C-alpha atoms as a PDB file:
ATOM      1  CA  UNK A   1      17.078  18.934  94.697  1.00  0.00           C
ATOM      2  CA  UNK A   2      20.266  17.726  93.529  1.00  0.00           C
ATOM      3  CA  UNK A   3      19.250  15.286  91.516  1.00  0.00           C
ATOM      4  CA  UNK A   4      16.142  17.171  89.872  1.00  0.00           C
ATOM      5  CA  UNK A   5      19.072  20.281  89.106  1.00  0.00           C
ATOM      6  CA  UNK A   6      21.144  18.157  87.259  1.00  0.00           C
ATOM      7  CA  UNK A   7      17.753  16.257  85.295  1.00  0.00           C
ATOM      8  CA  UNK A   8      17.022  19.839  84.501  1.00  0.00           C
ATOM      9  CA  UNK A   9      21.145  20.411  83.229  1.00  0.00           C
ATOM     10  CA  UNK A  10      20.984  17.091  81.468  1.00  0.00           C
ATOM     11  CA  UNK A  11      17.170  18.214  79.446  1.00  0.00           C
ATOM     12  CA  UNK A  12      18.053  21.888  78.348  1.00  0.00           C
ATOM     13  CA  UNK A  13      21.949  19.665  77.094  1.00  0.00           C
ATOM     14  CA  UNK A  14      19.701  17.476  75.246  1.00  0.00           C
ATOM     15  CA  UNK A  15      17.963  20.387  73.518  1.00  0.00           C
ATOM     16  CA  UNK A  16      21.119  22.091  72.506  1.00  0.00           C
ATOM     17  CA  UNK A  17      23.169  19.939  71.537  1.00  0.00           C
ATOM     18  CA  UNK A  18      20.351  17.280  69.670  1.00  0.00           C
ATOM     19  CA  UNK A  19      18.046  19.557  69.092  1.00  0.00           C
ATOM     20  CA  UNK A  20      19.518  21.686  67.295  1.00  0.00           C
ATOM     21  CA  UNK A  21      17.583  24.883  69.487  1.00  0.00           C
ATOM     22  CA  UNK A  22      19.921  27.854  67.762  1.00  0.00           C
ATOM     23  CA  UNK A  23      17.373  30.117  69.921  1.00  0.00           C
ATOM     24  CA  UNK A  24      18.113  28.184  73.007  1.00  0.00           C
ATOM     25  CA  UNK A  25      22.155  28.149  72.351  1.00  0.00           C
ATOM     26  CA  UNK A  26      22.145  31.880  71.771  1.00  0.00           C
ATOM     27  CA  UNK A  27      20.876  32.613  74.946  1.00  0.00           C
ATOM     28  CA  UNK A  28      22.527  30.436  77.006  1.00  0.00           C
ATOM     29  CA  UNK A  29      25.527  32.078  75.366  1.00  0.00           C
ATOM     30  CA  UNK A  30      24.486  35.073  75.992  1.00  0.00           C
ATOM     31  CA  UNK A  31      23.311  34.785  79.694  1.00  0.00           C
ATOM     32  CA  UNK A  32      26.570  33.057  80.582  1.00  0.00           C
ATOM     33  CA  UNK A  33      28.291  36.709  78.946  1.00  0.00           C
ATOM     34  CA  UNK A  34      26.324  38.665  81.164  1.00  0.00           C
ATOM     35  CA  UNK A  35      26.931  37.174  83.902  1.00  0.00           C
ATOM     36  CA  UNK A  36      30.708  37.228  83.403  1.00  0.00           C
ATOM     37  CA  UNK A  37      30.152  40.903  82.187  1.00  0.00           C
ATOM     38  CA  UNK A  38      28.055  41.763  86.154  1.00  0.00           C
ATOM     39  CA  UNK A  39      31.137  40.307  87.478  1.00  0.00           C
ATOM     40  CA  UNK A  40      33.726  42.457  85.785  1.00  0.00           C
ATOM     41  CA  UNK A  41      31.542  45.496  86.505  1.00  0.00           C
ATOM     42  CA  UNK A  42      31.482  45.105  90.150  1.00  0.00           C
ATOM     43  CA  UNK A  43      34.806  43.757  91.181  1.00  0.00           C
ATOM     44  CA  UNK A  44      36.784  45.716  89.095  1.00  0.00           C
ATOM     45  CA  UNK A  45      35.147  48.273  87.896  1.00  0.00           C
ATOM     46  CA  UNK A  46      38.025  50.389  88.523  1.00  0.00           C
ATOM     47  CA  UNK A  47      40.509  48.921  86.240  1.00  0.00           C
ATOM     48  CA  UNK A  48      38.432  47.340  82.929  1.00  0.00           C
ATOM     49  CA  UNK A  49      36.182  49.618  82.455  1.00  0.00           C
ATOM     50  CA  UNK A  50      37.484  50.221  78.492  1.00  0.00           C
ATOM     51  CA  UNK A  51      37.430  45.848  78.772  1.00  0.00           C
ATOM     52  CA  UNK A  52      33.998  46.216  79.796  1.00  0.00           C
ATOM     53  CA  UNK A  53      32.147  48.742  77.276  1.00  0.00           C
ATOM     54  CA  UNK A  54      34.284  46.696  74.297  1.00  0.00           C
ATOM     55  CA  UNK A  55      32.571  43.332  75.837  1.00  0.00           C
ATOM     56  CA  UNK A  56      29.538  45.263  76.305  1.00  0.00           C
ATOM     57  CA  UNK A  57      29.372  45.555  72.667  1.00  0.00           C
ATOM     58  CA  UNK A  58      30.402  42.647  71.716  1.00  0.00           C
ATOM     59  CA  UNK A  59      27.561  41.388  73.647  1.00  0.00           C
ATOM     60  CA  UNK A  60      25.139  43.072  71.753  1.00  0.00           C
ATOM     61  CA  UNK A  61      26.632  42.249  68.552  1.00  0.00           C
ATOM     62  CA  UNK A  62      26.550  38.121  69.444  1.00  0.00           C
ATOM     63  CA  UNK A  63      22.669  38.648  70.643  1.00  0.00           C
ATOM     64  CA  UNK A  64      21.904  40.280  66.606  1.00  0.00           C
ATOM     65  CA  UNK A  65      23.787  37.905  64.586  1.00  0.00           C
ATOM     66  CA  UNK A  66      21.958  35.485  66.616  1.00  0.00           C
ATOM     67  CA  UNK A  67      18.485  36.553  65.937  1.00  0.00           C
ATOM     68  CA  UNK A  68      19.487  36.856  62.144  1.00  0.00           C
ATOM     69  CA  UNK A  69      20.637  33.416  62.124  1.00  0.00           C
ATOM     70  CA  UNK A  70      17.961  32.324  63.855  1.00  0.00           C
ATOM     71  CA  UNK A  71      15.366  33.884  61.648  1.00  0.00           C
ATOM     72  CA  UNK A  72      17.552  32.646  58.368  1.00  0.00           C
ATOM     73  CA  UNK A  73      17.624  28.975  59.577  1.00  0.00           C
ATOM     74  CA  UNK A  74      14.038  28.492  60.349  1.00  0.00           C
ATOM     75  CA  UNK A  75      13.371  30.056  56.619  1.00  0.00           C
ATOM     76  CA  UNK A  76      16.175  27.876  55.450  1.00  0.00           C
ATOM     77  CA  UNK A  77      14.450  25.060  57.511  1.00  0.00           C
ATOM     78  CA  UNK A  78      10.335  26.039  56.640  1.00  0.00           C
ATOM     79  CA  UNK A  79      11.890  25.910  52.636  1.00  0.00           C
ATOM     80  CA  UNK A  80      12.883  22.585  52.364  1.00  0.00           C
ATOM     81  CA  UNK A  81      10.347  21.303  54.746  1.00  0.00           C
ATOM     82  CA  UNK A  82       7.742  22.590  52.067  1.00  0.00           C
ATOM     83  CA  UNK A  83      10.108  21.074  48.876  1.00  0.00           C
ATOM     84  CA  UNK A  84      10.326  17.435  50.595  1.00  0.00           C
ATOM     85  CA  UNK A  85       6.163  17.783  51.212  1.00  0.00           C
ATOM     86  CA  UNK A  86       5.981  19.019  47.206  1.00  0.00           C
ATOM     87  CA  UNK A  87       8.089  16.258  46.463  1.00  0.00           C
ATOM     88  CA  UNK A  88       5.978  13.499  48.295  1.00  0.00           C
ATOM     89  CA  UNK A  89       2.600  14.533  47.543  1.00  0.00           C
ATOM     90  CA  UNK A  90       4.166  14.283  43.424  1.00  0.00           C
ATOM     91  CA  UNK A  91       5.354  10.898  44.883  1.00  0.00           C
ATOM     92  CA  UNK A  92       2.105   9.370  46.127  1.00  0.00           C
ATOM     93  CA  UNK A  93       0.163  12.030  43.431  1.00  0.00           C
ATOM     94  CA  UNK A  94      -2.187   8.709  41.813  1.00  0.00           C
ATOM     95  CA  UNK A  95      -1.663   5.831  44.806  1.00  0.00           C
ATOM     96  CA  UNK A  96      -4.717   4.173  45.310  1.00  0.00           C
ATOM     97  CA  UNK A  97      -5.759   2.361  48.654  1.00  0.00           C
ATOM     98  CA  UNK A  98      -6.921   3.778  51.930  1.00  0.00           C
ATOM     99  CA  UNK A  99      -3.188   4.603  53.108  1.00  0.00           C
ATOM    100  CA  UNK A 100      -2.197   6.751  50.029  1.00  0.00           C
ATOM    101  CA  UNK A 101      -4.929   8.964  50.937  1.00  0.00           C
ATOM    102  CA  UNK A 102      -4.229   9.048  54.074  1.00  0.00           C
ATOM    103  CA  UNK A 103      -0.837   9.913  53.807  1.00  0.00           C
ATOM    104  CA  UNK A 104      -1.772  12.763  50.977  1.00  0.00           C
ATOM    105  CA  UNK A 105      -4.300  14.005  53.484  1.00  0.00           C
ATOM    106  CA  UNK A 106      -1.773  14.506  56.288  1.00  0.00           C
ATOM    107  CA  UNK A 107       0.464  16.382  54.173  1.00  0.00           C
ATOM    108  CA  UNK A 108      -2.011  18.581  52.652  1.00  0.00           C
ATOM    109  CA  UNK A 109      -3.055  19.444  56.280  1.00  0.00           C
ATOM    110  CA  UNK A 110       0.540  20.099  57.263  1.00  0.00           C
ATOM    111  CA  UNK A 111       1.254  22.208  54.399  1.00  0.00           C
ATOM    112  CA  UNK A 112      -1.908  24.166  55.993  1.00  0.00           C
ATOM    113  CA  UNK A 113      -0.849  24.451  59.062  1.00  0.00           C
ATOM    114  CA  UNK A 114       2.250  26.078  57.197  1.00  0.00           C
ATOM    115  CA  UNK A 115       0.358  28.508  55.018  1.00  0.00           C
ATOM    116  CA  UNK A 116       2.516  27.301  52.249  1.00  0.00           C
ATOM    117  CA  UNK A 117       1.025  26.622  48.776  1.00  0.00           C
ATOM    118  CA  UNK A 118       0.138  23.318  47.422  1.00  0.00           C
ATOM    119  CA  UNK A 119       1.988  21.558  44.366  1.00  0.00           C
ATOM    120  CA  UNK A 120       0.001  20.638  41.161  1.00  0.00           C
ATOM    121  CA  UNK A 121      -2.711  17.887  42.595  1.00  0.00           C
ATOM    122  CA  UNK A 122      -3.374  16.684  39.016  1.00  0.00           C
ATOM    123  CA  UNK A 123      -4.666  14.013  38.266  1.00  0.00           C
ATOM    124  CA  UNK A 124      -4.498  13.136  42.050  1.00  0.00           C
ATOM    125  CA  UNK A 125      -6.738  10.121  44.167  1.00  0.00           C
ATOM    126  CA  UNK A 126      -8.724  11.184  46.540  1.00  0.00           C
ATOM    127  CA  UNK A 127     -11.240   9.783  47.031  1.00  0.00           C
ATOM    128  CA  UNK A 128     -13.122   9.212  50.398  1.00  0.00           C
ATOM    129  CA  UNK A 129     -10.271  11.929  51.763  1.00  0.00           C
ATOM    130  CA  UNK A 130     -11.206  13.571  55.170  1.00  0.00           C
ATOM    131  CA  UNK A 131     -10.364  17.150  53.272  1.00  0.00           C
ATOM    132  CA  UNK A 132     -13.165  18.718  55.736  1.00  0.00           C
ATOM    133  CA  UNK A 133     -11.899  22.344  56.322  1.00  0.00           C
ATOM    134  CA  UNK A 134      -9.217  22.170  54.312  1.00  0.00           C
ATOM    135  CA  UNK A 135      -7.588  24.964  52.191  1.00  0.00           C
ATOM    136  CA  UNK A 136      -7.345  23.989  48.836  1.00  0.00           C
ATOM    137  CA  UNK A 137      -7.329  27.534  47.207  1.00  0.00           C
ATOM    138  CA  UNK A 138      -6.126  28.077  44.055  1.00  0.00           C
ATOM    139  CA  UNK A 139      -5.061  24.597  43.537  1.00  0.00           C
ATOM    140  CA  UNK A 140      -4.801  22.211  40.668  1.00  0.00           C
ATOM    141  CA  UNK A 141      -7.241  19.394  40.988  1.00  0.00           C
ATOM    142  CA  UNK A 142      -8.114  18.863  37.632  1.00  0.00           C
ATOM    143  CA  UNK A 143      -8.868  14.881  37.101  1.00  0.00           C
ATOM    144  CA  UNK A 144      -8.911  14.520  40.109  1.00  0.00           C
ATOM    145  CA  UNK A 145     -10.333  11.392  41.619  1.00  0.00           C
ATOM    146  CA  UNK A 146     -12.671  13.354  44.557  1.00  0.00           C
ATOM    147  CA  UNK A 147     -15.266  10.535  44.648  1.00  0.00           C
ATOM    148  CA  UNK A 148     -16.896  10.391  48.242  1.00  0.00           C
ATOM    149  CA  UNK A 149     -14.696  12.767  49.392  1.00  0.00           C
ATOM    150  CA  UNK A 150     -15.699  15.099  52.476  1.00  0.00           C
ATOM    151  CA  UNK A 151     -15.111  18.686  51.617  1.00  0.00           C
ATOM    152  CA  UNK A 152     -17.560  20.280  54.071  1.00  0.00           C
ATOM    153  CA  UNK A 153     -16.184  23.849  55.132  1.00  0.00           C
ATOM    154  CA  UNK A 154     -13.448  23.255  52.386  1.00  0.00           C
ATOM    155  CA  UNK A 155     -12.227  26.450  50.798  1.00  0.00           C
ATOM    156  CA  UNK A 156     -11.658  26.235  46.942  1.00  0.00           C
ATOM    157  CA  UNK A 157     -12.190  29.346  45.993  1.00  0.00           C
ATOM    158  CA  UNK A 158     -10.359  29.384  42.733  1.00  0.00           C
ATOM    159  CA  UNK A 159      -9.631  25.956  42.399  1.00  0.00           C
ATOM    160  CA  UNK A 160      -8.733  24.138  39.023  1.00  0.00           C
ATOM    161  CA  UNK A 161     -11.424  20.925  38.812  1.00  0.00           C
ATOM    162  CA  UNK A 162     -12.304  20.517  35.548  1.00  0.00           C
ATOM    163  CA  UNK A 163     -13.029  16.296  34.292  1.00  0.00           C
ATOM    164  CA  UNK A 164     -12.358  16.049  38.306  1.00  0.00           C
ATOM    165  CA  UNK A 165     -14.624  12.944  39.625  1.00  0.00           C
ATOM    166  CA  UNK A 166     -16.430  14.492  42.879  1.00  0.00           C
ATOM    167  CA  UNK A 167     -19.867  11.595  42.777  1.00  0.00           C
ATOM    168  CA  UNK A 168     -20.807  12.111  45.896  1.00  0.00           C
ATOM    169  CA  UNK A 169     -18.968  13.864  47.596  1.00  0.00           C
ATOM    170  CA  UNK A 170     -19.978  16.180  50.292  1.00  0.00           C
ATOM    171  CA  UNK A 171     -19.409  20.017  49.842  1.00  0.00           C
ATOM    172  CA  UNK A 172     -21.244  21.115  52.747  1.00  0.00           C
ATOM    173  CA  UNK A 173     -20.936  24.789  53.094  1.00  0.00           C
ATOM    174  CA  UNK A 174     -17.879  24.410  50.309  1.00  0.00           C
ATOM    175  CA  UNK A 175     -16.222  27.668  49.278  1.00  0.00           C
ATOM    176  CA  UNK A 176     -16.288  27.155  45.678  1.00  0.00           C
ATOM    177  CA  UNK A 177     -16.063  30.842  44.712  1.00  0.00           C
ATOM    178  CA  UNK A 178     -14.559  31.250  40.804  1.00  0.00           C
ATOM    179  CA  UNK A 179     -13.581  27.383  41.218  1.00  0.00           C
ATOM    180  CA  UNK A 180     -13.417  25.613  37.465  1.00  0.00           C
ATOM    181  CA  UNK A 181     -15.455  22.614  37.441  1.00  0.00           C
ATOM    182  CA  UNK A 182     -15.975  22.469  33.830  1.00  0.00           C
ATOM    183  CA  UNK A 183     -17.287  18.541  32.413  1.00  0.00           C
ATOM    184  CA  UNK A 184     -16.408  17.421  36.368  1.00  0.00           C
ATOM    185  CA  UNK A 185     -18.255  15.300  37.647  1.00  0.00           C
ATOM    186  CA  UNK A 186     -21.111  16.115  40.568  1.00  0.00           C
ATOM    187  CA  UNK A 187     -22.804  13.018  39.917  1.00  0.00           C
ATOM    188  CA  UNK A 188     -25.100  13.086  43.172  1.00  0.00           C
ATOM    189  CA  UNK A 189     -22.749  15.832  45.295  1.00  0.00           C
ATOM    190  CA  UNK A 190     -23.918  17.435  48.084  1.00  0.00           C
ATOM    191  CA  UNK A 191     -23.495  20.897  47.673  1.00  0.00           C
ATOM    192  CA  UNK A 192     -26.268  22.271  50.427  1.00  0.00           C
ATOM    193  CA  UNK A 193     -25.299  25.835  51.561  1.00  0.00           C
ATOM    194  CA  UNK A 194     -22.098  26.203  49.173  1.00  0.00           C
ATOM    195  CA  UNK A 195     -20.902  28.824  47.755  1.00  0.00           C
ATOM    196  CA  UNK A 196     -20.477  28.879  44.002  1.00  0.00           C
ATOM    197  CA  UNK A 197     -20.265  32.512  43.099  1.00  0.00           C
ATOM    198  CA  UNK A 198     -18.759  32.836  39.780  1.00  0.00           C
ATOM    199  CA  UNK A 199     -17.894  29.717  39.737  1.00  0.00           C
ATOM    200  CA  UNK A 200     -17.757  27.453  36.112  1.00  0.00           C
ATOM    201  CA  UNK A 201     -20.300  24.418  35.474  1.00  0.00           C
ATOM    202  CA  UNK A 202     -19.689  24.552  32.051  1.00  0.00           C
ATOM    203  CA  UNK A 203     -20.903  20.826  30.694  1.00  0.00           C
ATOM    204  CA  UNK A 204     -20.823  19.701  33.648  1.00  0.00           C
ATOM    205  CA  UNK A 205     -22.407  16.487  35.135  1.00  0.00           C
ATOM    206  CA  UNK A 206     -25.070  18.138  38.197  1.00  0.00           C
ATOM    207  CA  UNK A 207     -27.591  14.498  38.562  1.00  0.00           C
ATOM    208  CA  UNK A 208     -28.973  14.497  41.026  1.00  0.00           C
ATOM    209  CA  UNK A 209     -26.829  17.221  43.019  1.00  0.00           C
ATOM    210  CA  UNK A 210     -28.079  18.857  46.035  1.00  0.00           C
ATOM    211  CA  UNK A 211     -27.719  22.316  45.512  1.00  0.00           C
ATOM    212  CA  UNK A 212     -29.780  23.133  48.244  1.00  0.00           C
ATOM    213  CA  UNK A 213     -29.677  27.225  48.902  1.00  0.00           C
ATOM    214  CA  UNK A 214     -26.792  27.100  47.100  1.00  0.00           C
ATOM    215  CA  UNK A 215     -25.089  30.445  46.125  1.00  0.00           C
ATOM    216  CA  UNK A 216     -25.029  30.628  42.158  1.00  0.00           C
ATOM    217  CA  UNK A 217     -25.009  34.270  41.290  1.00  0.00           C
ATOM    218  CA  UNK A 218     -23.178  34.836  37.979  1.00  0.00           C
ATOM    219  CA  UNK A 219     -22.578  30.748  37.637  1.00  0.00           C
ATOM    220  CA  UNK A 220     -21.771  28.987  34.590  1.00  0.00           C
ATOM    221  CA  UNK A 221     -24.137  26.756  33.789  1.00  0.00           C
ATOM    222  CA  UNK A 222     -23.838  26.132  29.921  1.00  0.00           C
ATOM    223  CA  UNK A 223     -24.471  22.632  29.337  1.00  0.00           C
ATOM    224  CA  UNK A 224     -24.518  21.670  32.281  1.00  0.00           C
ATOM    225  CA  UNK A 225     -26.600  18.431  33.443  1.00  0.00           C
ATOM    226  CA  UNK A 226     -29.618  19.016  35.518  1.00  0.00           C
ATOM    227  CA  UNK A 227     -31.922  16.535  33.896  1.00  0.00           C
ATOM    228  CA  UNK A 228     -33.438  13.664  35.811  1.00  0.00           C
ATOM    229  CA  UNK A 229     -31.714   9.987  35.202  1.00  0.00           C
ATOM    230  CA  UNK A 230     -32.355   6.840  36.780  1.00  0.00           C
ATOM    231  CA  UNK A 231     -34.726   8.924  39.014  1.00  0.00           C
ATOM    232  CA  UNK A 232     -31.960  11.083  40.031  1.00  0.00           C
ATOM    233  CA  UNK A 233     -33.526  14.916  40.374  1.00  0.00           C
ATOM    234  CA  UNK A 234     -31.130  17.887  40.571  1.00  0.00           C
ATOM    235  CA  UNK A 235     -31.882  19.538  43.664  1.00  0.00           C
ATOM    236  CA  UNK A 236     -31.715  23.852  43.241  1.00  0.00           C
ATOM    237  CA  UNK A 237     -34.679  24.518  46.050  1.00  0.00           C
ATOM    238  CA  UNK A 238     -33.810  27.778  47.723  1.00  0.00           C
ATOM    239  CA  UNK A 239     -30.897  28.213  45.762  1.00  0.00           C
ATOM    240  CA  UNK A 240     -29.291  31.951  45.487  1.00  0.00           C
ATOM    241  CA  UNK A 241     -29.552  34.694  42.961  1.00  0.00           C
ATOM    242  CA  UNK A 242     -29.866  31.777  40.186  1.00  0.00           C
ATOM    243  CA  UNK A 243     -31.835  33.545  36.861  1.00  0.00           C
ATOM    244  CA  UNK A 244     -33.498  32.072  33.772  1.00  0.00           C
ATOM    245  CA  UNK A 245     -30.378  33.631  31.526  1.00  0.00           C
ATOM    246  CA  UNK A 246     -28.015  31.032  33.489  1.00  0.00           C
ATOM    247  CA  UNK A 247     -30.107  28.303  32.946  1.00  0.00           C
ATOM    248  CA  UNK A 248     -30.798  28.938  29.250  1.00  0.00           C
ATOM    249  CA  UNK A 249     -28.001  26.917  28.014  1.00  0.00           C
ATOM    250  CA  UNK A 250     -28.403  23.996  30.853  1.00  0.00           C
ATOM    251  CA  UNK A 251     -30.032  21.106  30.119  1.00  0.00           C
ATOM    252  CA  UNK A 252     -33.405  20.506  32.387  1.00  0.00           C
ATOM    253  CA  UNK A 253     -36.825  18.836  32.563  1.00  0.00           C
ATOM    254  CA  UNK A 254     -39.604  19.099  34.256  1.00  0.00           C
ATOM    255  CA  UNK A 255     -38.190  16.859  36.846  1.00  0.00           C
ATOM    256  CA  UNK A 256     -35.445  19.192  37.731  1.00  0.00           C
ATOM    257  CA  UNK A 257     -36.237  20.876  40.855  1.00  0.00           C
ATOM    258  CA  UNK A 258     -35.997  24.733  40.605  1.00  0.00           C
ATOM    259  CA  UNK A 259     -36.469  27.749  43.705  1.00  0.00           C
ATOM    260  CA  UNK A 260     -39.669  29.438  44.260  1.00  0.00           C
ATOM    261  CA  UNK A 261     -39.108  32.414  42.595  1.00  0.00           C
ATOM    262  CA  UNK A 262     -38.142  30.580  39.371  1.00  0.00           C
ATOM    263  CA  UNK A 263     -41.891  29.993  37.767  1.00  0.00           C
ATOM    264  CA  UNK A 264     -41.254  27.905  34.227  1.00  0.00           C
ATOM    265  CA  UNK A 265     -44.239  30.722  32.842  1.00  0.00           C
ATOM    266  CA  UNK A 266     -42.018  33.202  33.504  1.00  0.00           C
ATOM    267  CA  UNK A 267     -39.423  31.581  31.337  1.00  0.00           C
ATOM    268  CA  UNK A 268     -41.679  31.088  28.516  1.00  0.00           C
ATOM    269  CA  UNK A 269     -42.570  34.476  28.267  1.00  0.00           C
ATOM    270  CA  UNK A 270     -38.829  35.282  28.526  1.00  0.00           C
ATOM    271  CA  UNK A 271     -38.560  32.647  25.435  1.00  0.00           C
ATOM    272  CA  UNK A 272     -41.377  34.455  23.579  1.00  0.00           C
ATOM    273  CA  UNK A 273     -40.219  38.009  23.797  1.00  0.00           C
ATOM    274  CA  UNK A 274     -36.755  36.870  22.728  1.00  0.00           C
ATOM    275  CA  UNK A 275     -38.357  35.204  19.251  1.00  0.00           C
END
């Protein structure tokens, strides 16, 4: 019993002194003061009422000060960690190789856990990175290397992916609403059920891309390449809310797989009417 009690005391002391836990420190101080107050109250109530009242006020001041100091300390620690992670990502940004990619992914995951914004990842090397379900909303990934990256169910809303290389990337169910994919390379990428509402696909390479059941409402496809190259067929079967007006400036051919509701005869009629 005594051995167990001694172990518990050592654990508490270690947490207070070595782990720098302000909450526990102030809790112990407040507990000791409360015990002292109760002792004075019960044993010397007639003689030290005024002292007890003053000590009660001091007791609550300590608690309030401890709470404020703890919150402020946690806020400073959070800012320090975020700044440190941002600096590391900037240092590792172009680091090639499996180890470099794993470190960058780990930092991005930690920033996601903290619900902190991401720094600029311009031209970052994330080839084959496993970012499934990651929150990259609003990030700057222009010119990034994301070949074979796993971005299934990732939040890429409003992200800048201009000139990025997403060849063979997995973007199943990814949220790319309002994303900028201008001049990006999405050759053989899988965007099955992806949300591309309002996305900019200006001159994007979509050779062999899988856009089955993707939401393309309001997406800009001007100059996008959907033509057959080396037996790569762009597949837009079941794509939602796609119109001929969106495809007017896109590069398509007879082998481009379009949704059933977009019949080529209707396009010819629209072109004849416009003429």
